[in-house]
Amino acid sequence: MRVLRRGLICGWNLYLCAGLLCAAQTPAAQPQAGTASPANASSAYRACSANPILENKSKKAQKTKHPLPPEPAPACLEVKGEGIEIQEFLQSMTREQQWRVGENHASEDTWTFVRYLGEEDLERYADTKVLTEPVNFSGGKVAILVRTSDIADGYVRVQVSTRFQGEGKTSDKVLGQPGTVWPLNSRRVLEQEILGALQTRFHHAG
């Protein structure tokens, strides 16, 4: 069990560091399916015209009984403003909403941090019902990566990525695994809440 937990924690820290090490190298853009057409140039925000997929670091992670879930495309929004202004607003929002956060790392175009979650918030933001065995979760945390990049017409592309980790014990006493840390998929709710706050802020600012 010690080896398993060490491997998961190592993967978690690598995810936090990835944004800082590689933020300047955005991979080739891919069309973002299922989004509305970008608004006119006078709009305060618009759907992303393209949403680059986060680069797969192709890490040869150790095989564990609880492999990390696949990394989805980041949630994306294009906002008229400056990257540093967007970052400062989001940092202010976390303080106003009294999020329990830690492991903050910020640069000009990247911000990574961890938000600690209680049981209810974990179930709201992460998919806790897809594991191969029943697990009683007591809480967890989510690593959040916010990246900004300047694009044309005064817009900034904002990308939000998350990685969730739940803490709990299996209720299967016969076939259950001994681990207490479980990687989980995002429901995409938290990402949309963050982008929604940006929409509200810059709509009023416009």
N, C-alpha and C. Protein backbone atom coordinates (compact mmCIF):
# COMPACT_ATOMS: atom_id res chain seq x y z
N MET A 1 0.82 -1.20 0.00
CA MET A 1 0.00 0.00 0.00
C MET A 1 0.86 1.25 0.00
N ARG A 2 1.97 1.20 0.65
CA ARG A 2 2.85 2.37 0.66
C ARG A 2 3.36 2.68 -0.74
N VAL A 3 3.71 1.65 -1.48
CA VAL A 3 4.21 1.86 -2.84
C VAL A 3 3.13 2.47 -3.70
N LEU A 4 1.89 1.98 -3.59
CA LEU A 4 0.78 2.49 -4.37
C LEU A 4 0.55 3.96 -4.10
N ARG A 5 0.47 4.34 -2.84
CA ARG A 5 0.18 5.74 -2.51
C ARG A 5 1.32 6.65 -2.95
N ARG A 6 2.55 6.18 -2.85
CA ARG A 6 3.67 7.00 -3.27
C ARG A 6 3.59 7.26 -4.78
N GLY A 7 3.20 6.27 -5.55
CA GLY A 7 3.10 6.45 -6.99
C GLY A 7 2.02 7.46 -7.36
N LEU A 8 0.88 7.40 -6.66
CA LEU A 8 -0.19 8.34 -6.95
C LEU A 8 0.20 9.76 -6.60
N ILE A 9 0.84 9.93 -5.46
CA ILE A 9 1.24 11.26 -5.03
C ILE A 9 2.28 11.84 -5.98
N CYS A 10 3.18 10.99 -6.45
CA CYS A 10 4.19 11.45 -7.41
C CYS A 10 3.52 11.95 -8.68
N GLY A 11 2.53 11.18 -9.19
CA GLY A 11 1.81 11.61 -10.38
C GLY A 11 1.09 12.92 -10.15
N TRP A 12 0.53 13.10 -8.97
CA TRP A 12 -0.17 14.33 -8.60
C TRP A 12 0.76 15.52 -8.65
N ASN A 13 1.96 15.40 -8.08
CA ASN A 13 2.91 16.51 -8.08
C ASN A 13 3.41 16.82 -9.48
N LEU A 14 3.59 15.79 -10.31
CA LEU A 14 4.01 16.04 -11.67
C LEU A 14 2.95 16.84 -12.43
N TYR A 15 1.67 16.57 -12.16
CA TYR A 15 0.61 17.32 -12.82
C TYR A 15 0.66 18.78 -12.40
N LEU A 16 0.90 19.05 -11.14
CA LEU A 16 0.97 20.43 -10.67
C LEU A 16 2.10 21.17 -11.34
N CYS A 17 3.23 20.49 -11.51
CA CYS A 17 4.42 21.14 -12.07
C CYS A 17 4.33 21.30 -13.58
N ALA A 18 3.51 20.49 -14.26
CA ALA A 18 3.49 20.50 -15.71
C ALA A 18 3.14 21.87 -16.28
N GLY A 19 2.18 22.55 -15.63
CA GLY A 19 1.78 23.86 -16.14
C GLY A 19 2.89 24.87 -16.05
N LEU A 20 3.70 24.81 -15.00
CA LEU A 20 4.79 25.77 -14.83
C LEU A 20 5.92 25.50 -15.81
N LEU A 21 6.20 24.23 -16.08
CA LEU A 21 7.33 23.88 -16.91
C LEU A 21 7.04 24.04 -18.39
N CYS A 22 5.76 23.83 -18.79
CA CYS A 22 5.45 23.76 -20.21
C CYS A 22 4.39 24.76 -20.65
N ALA A 23 4.08 25.76 -19.84
CA ALA A 23 3.01 26.69 -20.20
C ALA A 23 3.33 27.47 -21.46
N ALA A 24 4.59 27.71 -21.70
CA ALA A 24 4.97 28.50 -22.85
C ALA A 24 4.87 27.72 -24.15
N GLN A 25 4.72 26.39 -24.09
CA GLN A 25 4.68 25.57 -25.29
C GLN A 25 3.28 25.01 -25.44
N THR A 26 2.40 25.73 -26.14
CA THR A 26 1.04 25.26 -26.36
C THR A 26 1.02 24.45 -27.63
N PRO A 27 0.49 23.22 -27.61
CA PRO A 27 0.47 22.39 -28.79
C PRO A 27 -0.45 22.94 -29.86
N ALA A 28 -0.40 22.33 -31.04
CA ALA A 28 -1.19 22.79 -32.16
C ALA A 28 -2.67 22.78 -31.81
N ALA A 29 -3.38 23.80 -32.27
CA ALA A 29 -4.79 23.94 -31.93
C ALA A 29 -5.61 22.90 -32.65
N GLN A 30 -6.66 22.41 -31.95
CA GLN A 30 -7.64 21.51 -32.53
C GLN A 30 -8.99 22.18 -32.42
N PRO A 31 -9.88 22.02 -33.44
CA PRO A 31 -11.20 22.62 -33.34
C PRO A 31 -11.93 22.10 -32.11
N GLN A 32 -12.62 22.99 -31.42
CA GLN A 32 -13.36 22.62 -30.22
C GLN A 32 -14.78 22.26 -30.62
N ALA A 33 -15.13 21.00 -30.45
CA ALA A 33 -16.44 20.53 -30.89
C ALA A 33 -17.52 21.00 -29.94
N GLY A 34 -18.71 21.24 -30.51
CA GLY A 34 -19.87 21.50 -29.68
C GLY A 34 -19.91 22.87 -29.03
N THR A 35 -19.17 23.85 -29.57
CA THR A 35 -19.18 25.18 -28.98
C THR A 35 -19.89 26.15 -29.92
N ALA A 36 -20.39 27.24 -29.35
CA ALA A 36 -21.06 28.25 -30.15
C ALA A 36 -20.06 29.01 -30.98
N SER A 37 -20.53 29.63 -32.05
CA SER A 37 -19.65 30.43 -32.88
C SER A 37 -19.17 31.64 -32.09
N PRO A 38 -17.90 32.05 -32.29
CA PRO A 38 -17.39 33.20 -31.56
C PRO A 38 -18.24 34.44 -31.82
N ALA A 39 -18.41 35.26 -30.80
CA ALA A 39 -19.20 36.48 -30.92
C ALA A 39 -18.39 37.55 -31.65
N ASN A 40 -19.02 38.70 -31.89
CA ASN A 40 -18.32 39.77 -32.59
C ASN A 40 -17.24 40.36 -31.69
N ALA A 41 -16.37 41.16 -32.31
CA ALA A 41 -15.15 41.61 -31.63
C ALA A 41 -15.44 42.54 -30.45
N SER A 42 -16.68 43.08 -30.36
CA SER A 42 -16.98 44.00 -29.26
C SER A 42 -17.43 43.26 -28.00
N SER A 43 -17.61 41.95 -28.06
CA SER A 43 -18.09 41.19 -26.91
C SER A 43 -17.00 41.10 -25.84
N ALA A 44 -17.44 41.04 -24.58
CA ALA A 44 -16.50 40.94 -23.47
C ALA A 44 -15.89 39.55 -23.39
N TYR A 45 -16.60 38.54 -23.87
CA TYR A 45 -16.08 37.16 -23.89
C TYR A 45 -16.76 36.40 -25.02
N ARG A 46 -16.19 35.27 -25.36
CA ARG A 46 -16.74 34.44 -26.43
C ARG A 46 -16.26 33.01 -26.25
N ALA A 47 -16.94 32.08 -26.92
CA ALA A 47 -16.48 30.69 -26.91
C ALA A 47 -15.14 30.60 -27.63
N CYS A 48 -14.34 29.64 -27.26
CA CYS A 48 -13.02 29.49 -27.88
C CYS A 48 -13.16 29.10 -29.34
N SER A 49 -12.45 29.81 -30.18
CA SER A 49 -12.43 29.46 -31.60
C SER A 49 -11.67 28.17 -31.82
N ALA A 50 -10.73 27.87 -30.94
CA ALA A 50 -9.98 26.61 -30.95
C ALA A 50 -9.52 26.35 -29.54
N ASN A 51 -9.48 25.09 -29.16
CA ASN A 51 -9.10 24.73 -27.79
C ASN A 51 -7.96 23.72 -27.85
N PRO A 52 -6.72 24.19 -27.70
CA PRO A 52 -5.60 23.26 -27.76
C PRO A 52 -5.71 22.20 -26.68
N ILE A 53 -5.44 20.95 -27.07
CA ILE A 53 -5.46 19.85 -26.12
C ILE A 53 -4.18 19.90 -25.30
N LEU A 54 -4.32 19.72 -23.99
CA LEU A 54 -3.13 19.69 -23.14
C LEU A 54 -2.19 18.60 -23.61
N GLU A 55 -0.94 18.93 -23.72
CA GLU A 55 0.06 18.00 -24.21
C GLU A 55 0.22 16.82 -23.26
N ASN A 56 0.18 15.62 -23.85
CA ASN A 56 0.42 14.42 -23.05
C ASN A 56 1.91 14.28 -22.82
N LYS A 57 2.31 14.31 -21.57
CA LYS A 57 3.74 14.28 -21.25
C LYS A 57 4.36 12.91 -21.48
N SER A 58 3.51 11.95 -21.87
CA SER A 58 3.96 10.58 -22.15
C SER A 58 4.84 10.03 -21.04
N LYS A 59 4.41 10.28 -19.80
CA LYS A 59 5.15 9.75 -18.67
C LYS A 59 4.91 8.27 -18.57
N LYS A 60 5.93 7.50 -18.37
CA LYS A 60 5.82 6.08 -18.18
C LYS A 60 5.49 5.81 -16.72
N ALA A 61 4.25 6.10 -16.37
CA ALA A 61 3.84 5.94 -14.98
C ALA A 61 3.84 4.48 -14.59
N GLN A 62 4.16 4.21 -13.33
CA GLN A 62 4.15 2.86 -12.85
C GLN A 62 2.73 2.32 -12.86
N LYS A 63 2.59 1.06 -13.21
CA LYS A 63 1.29 0.43 -13.20
C LYS A 63 0.84 0.24 -11.76
N THR A 64 -0.37 0.70 -11.47
CA THR A 64 -0.91 0.56 -10.13
C THR A 64 -2.31 -0.04 -10.23
N LYS A 65 -2.84 -0.39 -9.10
CA LYS A 65 -4.19 -0.93 -9.07
C LYS A 65 -5.23 0.16 -9.30
N HIS A 66 -4.82 1.42 -9.15
CA HIS A 66 -5.72 2.55 -9.37
C HIS A 66 -5.06 3.50 -10.37
N PRO A 67 -5.04 3.17 -11.67
CA PRO A 67 -4.37 4.02 -12.66
C PRO A 67 -5.03 5.38 -12.77
N LEU A 68 -4.24 6.40 -13.12
CA LEU A 68 -4.76 7.74 -13.29
C LEU A 68 -5.73 7.78 -14.46
N PRO A 69 -6.84 8.51 -14.34
CA PRO A 69 -7.79 8.61 -15.45
C PRO A 69 -7.19 9.41 -16.59
N PRO A 70 -7.71 9.22 -17.82
CA PRO A 70 -7.18 9.98 -18.95
C PRO A 70 -7.39 11.47 -18.77
N GLU A 71 -6.47 12.26 -19.27
CA GLU A 71 -6.52 13.71 -19.09
C GLU A 71 -7.41 14.32 -20.16
N PRO A 72 -8.54 14.95 -19.79
CA PRO A 72 -9.45 15.51 -20.79
C PRO A 72 -8.94 16.85 -21.32
N ALA A 73 -9.59 17.33 -22.38
CA ALA A 73 -9.27 18.66 -22.88
C ALA A 73 -9.67 19.69 -21.84
N PRO A 74 -8.93 20.79 -21.73
CA PRO A 74 -9.30 21.83 -20.75
C PRO A 74 -10.57 22.55 -21.15
N ALA A 75 -11.31 23.04 -20.15
CA ALA A 75 -12.42 23.95 -20.42
C ALA A 75 -11.82 25.27 -20.91
N CYS A 76 -12.52 25.95 -21.79
CA CYS A 76 -11.88 27.09 -22.48
C CYS A 76 -12.87 28.23 -22.69
N LEU A 77 -12.37 29.45 -22.55
CA LEU A 77 -13.13 30.66 -22.80
C LEU A 77 -12.17 31.75 -23.26
N GLU A 78 -12.62 32.60 -24.18
CA GLU A 78 -11.82 33.73 -24.63
C GLU A 78 -12.42 35.01 -24.07
N VAL A 79 -11.60 35.78 -23.37
CA VAL A 79 -12.05 36.96 -22.64
C VAL A 79 -11.28 38.18 -23.13
N LYS A 80 -11.96 39.29 -23.26
CA LYS A 80 -11.29 40.53 -23.67
C LYS A 80 -10.70 41.18 -22.42
N GLY A 81 -9.39 41.21 -22.36
CA GLY A 81 -8.72 41.76 -21.18
C GLY A 81 -7.25 41.38 -21.20
N GLU A 82 -6.65 41.34 -20.02
CA GLU A 82 -5.25 40.98 -19.88
C GLU A 82 -5.12 39.74 -19.00
N GLY A 83 -4.14 38.91 -19.33
CA GLY A 83 -3.96 37.67 -18.61
C GLY A 83 -3.75 37.87 -17.12
N ILE A 84 -2.96 38.87 -16.75
CA ILE A 84 -2.67 39.10 -15.34
C ILE A 84 -3.93 39.56 -14.60
N GLU A 85 -4.78 40.34 -15.29
CA GLU A 85 -6.04 40.79 -14.70
C GLU A 85 -6.97 39.60 -14.43
N ILE A 86 -7.01 38.67 -15.36
CA ILE A 86 -7.84 37.47 -15.21
C ILE A 86 -7.35 36.64 -14.03
N GLN A 87 -6.04 36.46 -13.97
CA GLN A 87 -5.47 35.66 -12.89
C GLN A 87 -5.74 36.31 -11.52
N GLU A 88 -5.58 37.61 -11.44
CA GLU A 88 -5.82 38.32 -10.18
C GLU A 88 -7.29 38.20 -9.77
N PHE A 89 -8.21 38.27 -10.74
CA PHE A 89 -9.62 38.13 -10.41
C PHE A 89 -9.92 36.75 -9.86
N LEU A 90 -9.39 35.70 -10.49
CA LEU A 90 -9.66 34.34 -10.03
C LEU A 90 -9.05 34.10 -8.65
N GLN A 91 -7.89 34.64 -8.40
CA GLN A 91 -7.29 34.49 -7.07
C GLN A 91 -8.14 35.20 -6.01
N SER A 92 -8.66 36.38 -6.37
CA SER A 92 -9.55 37.10 -5.45
C SER A 92 -10.83 36.31 -5.21
N MET A 93 -11.34 35.66 -6.25
CA MET A 93 -12.56 34.87 -6.12
C MET A 93 -12.38 33.73 -5.14
N THR A 94 -11.24 33.05 -5.18
CA THR A 94 -11.02 31.92 -4.26
C THR A 94 -10.99 32.41 -2.81
N ARG A 95 -10.46 33.62 -2.60
CA ARG A 95 -10.45 34.16 -1.24
C ARG A 95 -11.85 34.55 -0.79
N GLU A 96 -12.61 35.19 -1.66
CA GLU A 96 -13.96 35.63 -1.30
C GLU A 96 -14.87 34.44 -1.02
N GLN A 97 -14.72 33.37 -1.77
CA GLN A 97 -15.54 32.19 -1.57
C GLN A 97 -14.96 31.26 -0.50
N GLN A 98 -13.84 31.66 0.07
CA GLN A 98 -13.22 30.95 1.18
C GLN A 98 -12.91 29.49 0.83
N TRP A 99 -12.36 29.29 -0.36
CA TRP A 99 -11.89 27.96 -0.72
C TRP A 99 -10.69 27.60 0.15
N ARG A 100 -10.59 26.37 0.53
CA ARG A 100 -9.39 25.89 1.23
C ARG A 100 -8.38 25.48 0.17
N VAL A 101 -7.33 26.28 0.03
CA VAL A 101 -6.37 26.06 -1.05
C VAL A 101 -4.95 25.97 -0.51
N GLY A 102 -4.07 25.43 -1.32
CA GLY A 102 -2.67 25.32 -0.97
C GLY A 102 -1.85 25.05 -2.21
N GLU A 103 -0.54 24.95 -2.05
CA GLU A 103 0.40 24.63 -3.13
C GLU A 103 0.23 25.60 -4.30
N ASN A 104 0.15 26.89 -4.01
CA ASN A 104 0.00 27.91 -5.05
C ASN A 104 1.31 28.12 -5.79
N HIS A 105 1.24 28.13 -7.11
CA HIS A 105 2.38 28.46 -7.96
C HIS A 105 1.86 29.33 -9.10
N ALA A 106 2.37 30.54 -9.23
CA ALA A 106 1.87 31.46 -10.24
C ALA A 106 3.02 32.02 -11.06
N SER A 107 2.76 32.19 -12.35
CA SER A 107 3.68 32.90 -13.24
C SER A 107 2.84 33.87 -14.06
N GLU A 108 3.43 34.49 -15.06
CA GLU A 108 2.72 35.49 -15.84
C GLU A 108 1.50 34.91 -16.54
N ASP A 109 1.58 33.66 -17.00
CA ASP A 109 0.47 33.09 -17.76
C ASP A 109 -0.02 31.75 -17.23
N THR A 110 0.39 31.37 -16.03
CA THR A 110 0.00 30.08 -15.47
C THR A 110 -0.22 30.21 -13.97
N TRP A 111 -1.27 29.54 -13.51
CA TRP A 111 -1.53 29.46 -12.08
C TRP A 111 -1.99 28.05 -11.74
N THR A 112 -1.27 27.40 -10.84
CA THR A 112 -1.66 26.09 -10.36
C THR A 112 -1.85 26.14 -8.85
N PHE A 113 -2.87 25.42 -8.38
CA PHE A 113 -3.10 25.34 -6.95
C PHE A 113 -3.95 24.12 -6.65
N VAL A 114 -4.04 23.79 -5.39
CA VAL A 114 -4.85 22.66 -4.94
C VAL A 114 -6.00 23.18 -4.10
N ARG A 115 -7.19 22.70 -4.38
CA ARG A 115 -8.36 23.01 -3.54
C ARG A 115 -8.74 21.75 -2.77
N TYR A 116 -8.90 21.89 -1.47
CA TYR A 116 -9.26 20.75 -0.62
C TYR A 116 -10.79 20.69 -0.50
N LEU A 117 -11.34 19.48 -0.66
CA LEU A 117 -12.78 19.30 -0.76
C LEU A 117 -13.33 18.42 0.34
N GLY A 118 -14.50 18.78 0.84
CA GLY A 118 -15.23 17.91 1.73
C GLY A 118 -15.99 16.86 0.93
N GLU A 119 -16.68 16.01 1.62
CA GLU A 119 -17.38 14.91 0.96
C GLU A 119 -18.41 15.40 -0.06
N GLU A 120 -19.22 16.40 0.32
CA GLU A 120 -20.27 16.88 -0.57
C GLU A 120 -19.69 17.54 -1.82
N ASP A 121 -18.67 18.37 -1.64
CA ASP A 121 -18.07 19.03 -2.80
C ASP A 121 -17.38 18.01 -3.72
N LEU A 122 -16.76 17.00 -3.14
CA LEU A 122 -16.12 15.98 -3.97
C LEU A 122 -17.16 15.30 -4.86
N GLU A 123 -18.31 14.94 -4.30
CA GLU A 123 -19.35 14.28 -5.08
C GLU A 123 -19.96 15.23 -6.10
N ARG A 124 -19.96 16.53 -5.79
CA ARG A 124 -20.51 17.51 -6.74
C ARG A 124 -19.60 17.68 -7.94
N TYR A 125 -18.31 17.70 -7.72
CA TYR A 125 -17.37 18.04 -8.79
C TYR A 125 -16.73 16.83 -9.47
N ALA A 126 -16.65 15.70 -8.79
CA ALA A 126 -15.96 14.52 -9.35
C ALA A 126 -16.93 13.36 -9.46
N ASP A 127 -16.66 12.48 -10.40
CA ASP A 127 -17.51 11.31 -10.60
C ASP A 127 -17.04 10.22 -9.65
N THR A 128 -17.76 10.04 -8.58
CA THR A 128 -17.36 9.07 -7.54
C THR A 128 -18.06 7.72 -7.70
N LYS A 129 -18.87 7.55 -8.76
CA LYS A 129 -19.67 6.34 -8.89
C LYS A 129 -19.19 5.40 -10.01
N VAL A 130 -18.00 5.65 -10.55
CA VAL A 130 -17.57 4.86 -11.70
C VAL A 130 -16.45 3.88 -11.36
N LEU A 131 -16.10 3.77 -10.10
CA LEU A 131 -15.04 2.85 -9.72
C LEU A 131 -15.52 1.40 -9.80
N THR A 132 -14.60 0.47 -9.90
CA THR A 132 -14.94 -0.94 -10.04
C THR A 132 -15.41 -1.55 -8.72
N GLU A 133 -15.34 -0.79 -7.64
CA GLU A 133 -15.78 -1.28 -6.35
C GLU A 133 -16.37 -0.11 -5.56
N PRO A 134 -17.30 -0.36 -4.64
CA PRO A 134 -17.89 0.74 -3.86
C PRO A 134 -16.89 1.32 -2.87
N VAL A 135 -16.82 2.64 -2.85
CA VAL A 135 -15.89 3.33 -1.96
C VAL A 135 -16.66 4.38 -1.17
N ASN A 136 -16.43 4.44 0.12
CA ASN A 136 -17.01 5.48 0.97
C ASN A 136 -16.00 6.61 1.10
N PHE A 137 -16.28 7.74 0.43
CA PHE A 137 -15.36 8.86 0.41
C PHE A 137 -15.60 9.79 1.60
N SER A 138 -14.52 10.28 2.17
CA SER A 138 -14.60 11.24 3.26
C SER A 138 -14.23 12.65 2.81
N GLY A 139 -13.70 12.79 1.61
CA GLY A 139 -13.26 14.07 1.08
C GLY A 139 -12.24 13.84 -0.01
N GLY A 140 -11.48 14.89 -0.30
CA GLY A 140 -10.46 14.77 -1.34
C GLY A 140 -9.87 16.12 -1.68
N LYS A 141 -9.30 16.21 -2.85
CA LYS A 141 -8.71 17.47 -3.31
C LYS A 141 -8.67 17.47 -4.83
N VAL A 142 -8.47 18.66 -5.38
CA VAL A 142 -8.40 18.80 -6.82
C VAL A 142 -7.24 19.74 -7.16
N ALA A 143 -6.40 19.32 -8.07
CA ALA A 143 -5.35 20.18 -8.61
C ALA A 143 -5.94 20.96 -9.78
N ILE A 144 -5.81 22.27 -9.74
CA ILE A 144 -6.40 23.14 -10.76
C ILE A 144 -5.28 23.88 -11.49
N LEU A 145 -5.34 23.84 -12.80
CA LEU A 145 -4.37 24.53 -13.65
C LEU A 145 -5.11 25.55 -14.50
N VAL A 146 -4.74 26.83 -14.37
CA VAL A 146 -5.29 27.91 -15.18
C VAL A 146 -4.18 28.46 -16.07
N ARG A 147 -4.42 28.43 -17.38
CA ARG A 147 -3.43 28.97 -18.32
C ARG A 147 -4.08 30.06 -19.17
N THR A 148 -3.33 31.13 -19.41
CA THR A 148 -3.81 32.22 -20.25
C THR A 148 -2.84 32.44 -21.39
N SER A 149 -3.37 32.80 -22.56
CA SER A 149 -2.52 33.10 -23.70
C SER A 149 -3.18 34.20 -24.53
N ASP A 150 -2.39 35.19 -24.92
CA ASP A 150 -2.90 36.30 -25.72
C ASP A 150 -3.17 35.83 -27.14
N ILE A 151 -4.33 36.24 -27.68
CA ILE A 151 -4.66 35.95 -29.07
C ILE A 151 -5.09 37.25 -29.74
N ALA A 152 -5.68 37.16 -30.92
CA ALA A 152 -5.97 38.35 -31.71
C ALA A 152 -7.13 39.16 -31.12
N ASP A 153 -7.22 40.42 -31.55
CA ASP A 153 -8.33 41.33 -31.24
C ASP A 153 -8.46 41.65 -29.75
N GLY A 154 -7.36 41.57 -29.00
CA GLY A 154 -7.39 41.92 -27.59
C GLY A 154 -7.96 40.87 -26.68
N TYR A 155 -8.14 39.65 -27.17
CA TYR A 155 -8.68 38.57 -26.34
C TYR A 155 -7.56 37.75 -25.70
N VAL A 156 -7.92 37.14 -24.58
CA VAL A 156 -7.04 36.20 -23.89
C VAL A 156 -7.76 34.86 -23.82
N ARG A 157 -7.09 33.81 -24.24
CA ARG A 157 -7.68 32.47 -24.13
C ARG A 157 -7.38 31.92 -22.74
N VAL A 158 -8.43 31.54 -22.02
CA VAL A 158 -8.31 31.00 -20.67
C VAL A 158 -8.64 29.52 -20.70
N GLN A 159 -7.72 28.69 -20.24
CA GLN A 159 -7.94 27.25 -20.20
C GLN A 159 -7.87 26.77 -18.75
N VAL A 160 -8.85 25.98 -18.34
CA VAL A 160 -8.92 25.48 -16.98
C VAL A 160 -8.91 23.95 -17.02
N SER A 161 -7.96 23.35 -16.33
CA SER A 161 -7.86 21.89 -16.26
C SER A 161 -7.87 21.46 -14.80
N THR A 162 -8.40 20.28 -14.54
CA THR A 162 -8.47 19.78 -13.17
C THR A 162 -8.05 18.31 -13.12
N ARG A 163 -7.59 17.92 -11.94
CA ARG A 163 -7.35 16.50 -11.66
C ARG A 163 -7.78 16.24 -10.21
N PHE A 164 -8.72 15.31 -10.06
CA PHE A 164 -9.32 15.04 -8.75
C PHE A 164 -8.71 13.80 -8.10
N GLN A 165 -8.70 13.84 -6.78
CA GLN A 165 -8.21 12.72 -5.98
C GLN A 165 -9.12 12.60 -4.75
N GLY A 166 -9.76 11.44 -4.61
CA GLY A 166 -10.63 11.21 -3.47
C GLY A 166 -9.94 10.40 -2.39
N GLU A 167 -10.39 10.60 -1.17
CA GLU A 167 -9.87 9.85 -0.04
C GLU A 167 -11.02 9.06 0.58
N GLY A 168 -10.83 7.75 0.70
CA GLY A 168 -11.88 6.91 1.24
C GLY A 168 -11.45 5.46 1.32
N LYS A 169 -12.36 4.64 1.77
CA LYS A 169 -12.08 3.21 1.92
C LYS A 169 -13.18 2.42 1.24
N THR A 170 -12.78 1.32 0.62
CA THR A 170 -13.74 0.47 -0.03
C THR A 170 -14.65 -0.21 0.99
N SER A 171 -15.91 -0.40 0.59
CA SER A 171 -16.85 -1.12 1.45
C SER A 171 -16.96 -2.59 1.07
N ASP A 172 -16.18 -3.01 0.06
CA ASP A 172 -16.15 -4.41 -0.34
C ASP A 172 -15.12 -5.14 0.52
N LYS A 173 -15.57 -5.89 1.49
CA LYS A 173 -14.67 -6.54 2.43
C LYS A 173 -14.07 -7.84 1.88
N VAL A 174 -14.56 -8.28 0.73
CA VAL A 174 -14.07 -9.54 0.15
C VAL A 174 -13.04 -9.27 -0.94
N LEU A 175 -13.41 -8.46 -1.94
CA LEU A 175 -12.53 -8.22 -3.08
C LEU A 175 -11.96 -6.80 -3.10
N GLY A 176 -12.24 -6.02 -2.09
CA GLY A 176 -11.80 -4.62 -2.08
C GLY A 176 -10.29 -4.45 -2.04
N GLN A 177 -9.82 -3.36 -2.65
CA GLN A 177 -8.40 -3.02 -2.65
C GLN A 177 -8.05 -2.28 -1.36
N PRO A 178 -6.80 -2.38 -0.92
CA PRO A 178 -6.42 -1.76 0.36
C PRO A 178 -6.16 -0.26 0.29
N GLY A 179 -6.16 0.34 -0.90
CA GLY A 179 -5.81 1.75 -1.02
C GLY A 179 -6.83 2.67 -0.40
N THR A 180 -6.41 3.89 -0.06
CA THR A 180 -7.29 4.91 0.49
C THR A 180 -7.31 6.17 -0.37
N VAL A 181 -6.52 6.21 -1.43
CA VAL A 181 -6.45 7.37 -2.33
C VAL A 181 -6.87 6.91 -3.71
N TRP A 182 -7.84 7.64 -4.32
CA TRP A 182 -8.45 7.19 -5.56
C TRP A 182 -8.49 8.34 -6.57
N PRO A 183 -7.87 8.20 -7.75
CA PRO A 183 -8.00 9.21 -8.81
C PRO A 183 -9.40 9.16 -9.39
N LEU A 184 -9.99 10.33 -9.66
CA LEU A 184 -11.36 10.42 -10.12
C LEU A 184 -11.47 11.33 -11.34
N ASN A 185 -12.48 11.05 -12.16
CA ASN A 185 -12.75 11.91 -13.32
C ASN A 185 -13.57 13.13 -12.91
N SER A 186 -13.36 14.21 -13.63
CA SER A 186 -14.12 15.44 -13.36
C SER A 186 -15.50 15.36 -13.98
N ARG A 187 -16.49 15.96 -13.31
CA ARG A 187 -17.81 16.13 -13.89
C ARG A 187 -17.88 17.38 -14.76
N ARG A 188 -16.81 18.15 -14.79
CA ARG A 188 -16.70 19.39 -15.56
C ARG A 188 -17.53 20.52 -14.95
N VAL A 189 -17.99 20.34 -13.73
CA VAL A 189 -18.79 21.37 -13.06
C VAL A 189 -17.90 22.48 -12.53
N LEU A 190 -16.81 22.12 -11.87
CA LEU A 190 -15.92 23.13 -11.29
C LEU A 190 -15.31 24.01 -12.37
N GLU A 191 -14.89 23.41 -13.47
CA GLU A 191 -14.30 24.19 -14.56
C GLU A 191 -15.29 25.23 -15.09
N GLN A 192 -16.56 24.80 -15.26
CA GLN A 192 -17.56 25.72 -15.77
C GLN A 192 -17.91 26.79 -14.75
N GLU A 193 -17.84 26.48 -13.46
CA GLU A 193 -18.08 27.50 -12.44
C GLU A 193 -17.00 28.58 -12.51
N ILE A 194 -15.76 28.17 -12.71
CA ILE A 194 -14.66 29.14 -12.80
C ILE A 194 -14.83 30.03 -14.04
N LEU A 195 -15.13 29.42 -15.19
CA LEU A 195 -15.33 30.20 -16.40
C LEU A 195 -16.59 31.06 -16.30
N GLY A 196 -17.62 30.55 -15.62
CA GLY A 196 -18.84 31.32 -15.43
C GLY A 196 -18.59 32.58 -14.61
N ALA A 197 -17.71 32.48 -13.61
CA ALA A 197 -17.36 33.65 -12.81
C ALA A 197 -16.67 34.70 -13.69
N LEU A 198 -15.83 34.24 -14.62
CA LEU A 198 -15.18 35.16 -15.55
C LEU A 198 -16.20 35.83 -16.46
N GLN A 199 -17.16 35.07 -16.94
CA GLN A 199 -18.19 35.64 -17.80
C GLN A 199 -18.96 36.74 -17.08
N THR A 200 -19.33 36.48 -15.82
CA THR A 200 -20.07 37.48 -15.04
C THR A 200 -19.22 38.73 -14.82
N ARG A 201 -17.96 38.51 -14.44
CA ARG A 201 -17.07 39.63 -14.14
C ARG A 201 -16.85 40.51 -15.36
N PHE A 202 -16.53 39.91 -16.50
CA PHE A 202 -16.17 40.73 -17.67
C PHE A 202 -17.40 41.21 -18.43
N HIS A 203 -18.54 40.57 -18.24
CA HIS A 203 -19.77 41.08 -18.82
C HIS A 203 -20.12 42.42 -18.16
N HIS A 204 -20.04 42.46 -16.82
CA HIS A 204 -20.32 43.71 -16.10
C HIS A 204 -19.24 44.76 -16.37
N ALA A 205 -18.00 44.28 -16.52
CA ALA A 205 -16.91 45.24 -16.80
C ALA A 205 -17.08 45.86 -18.16
N GLY A 206 -17.65 45.09 -19.10
CA GLY A 206 -17.84 45.63 -20.46
C GLY A 206 -19.00 46.61 -20.51
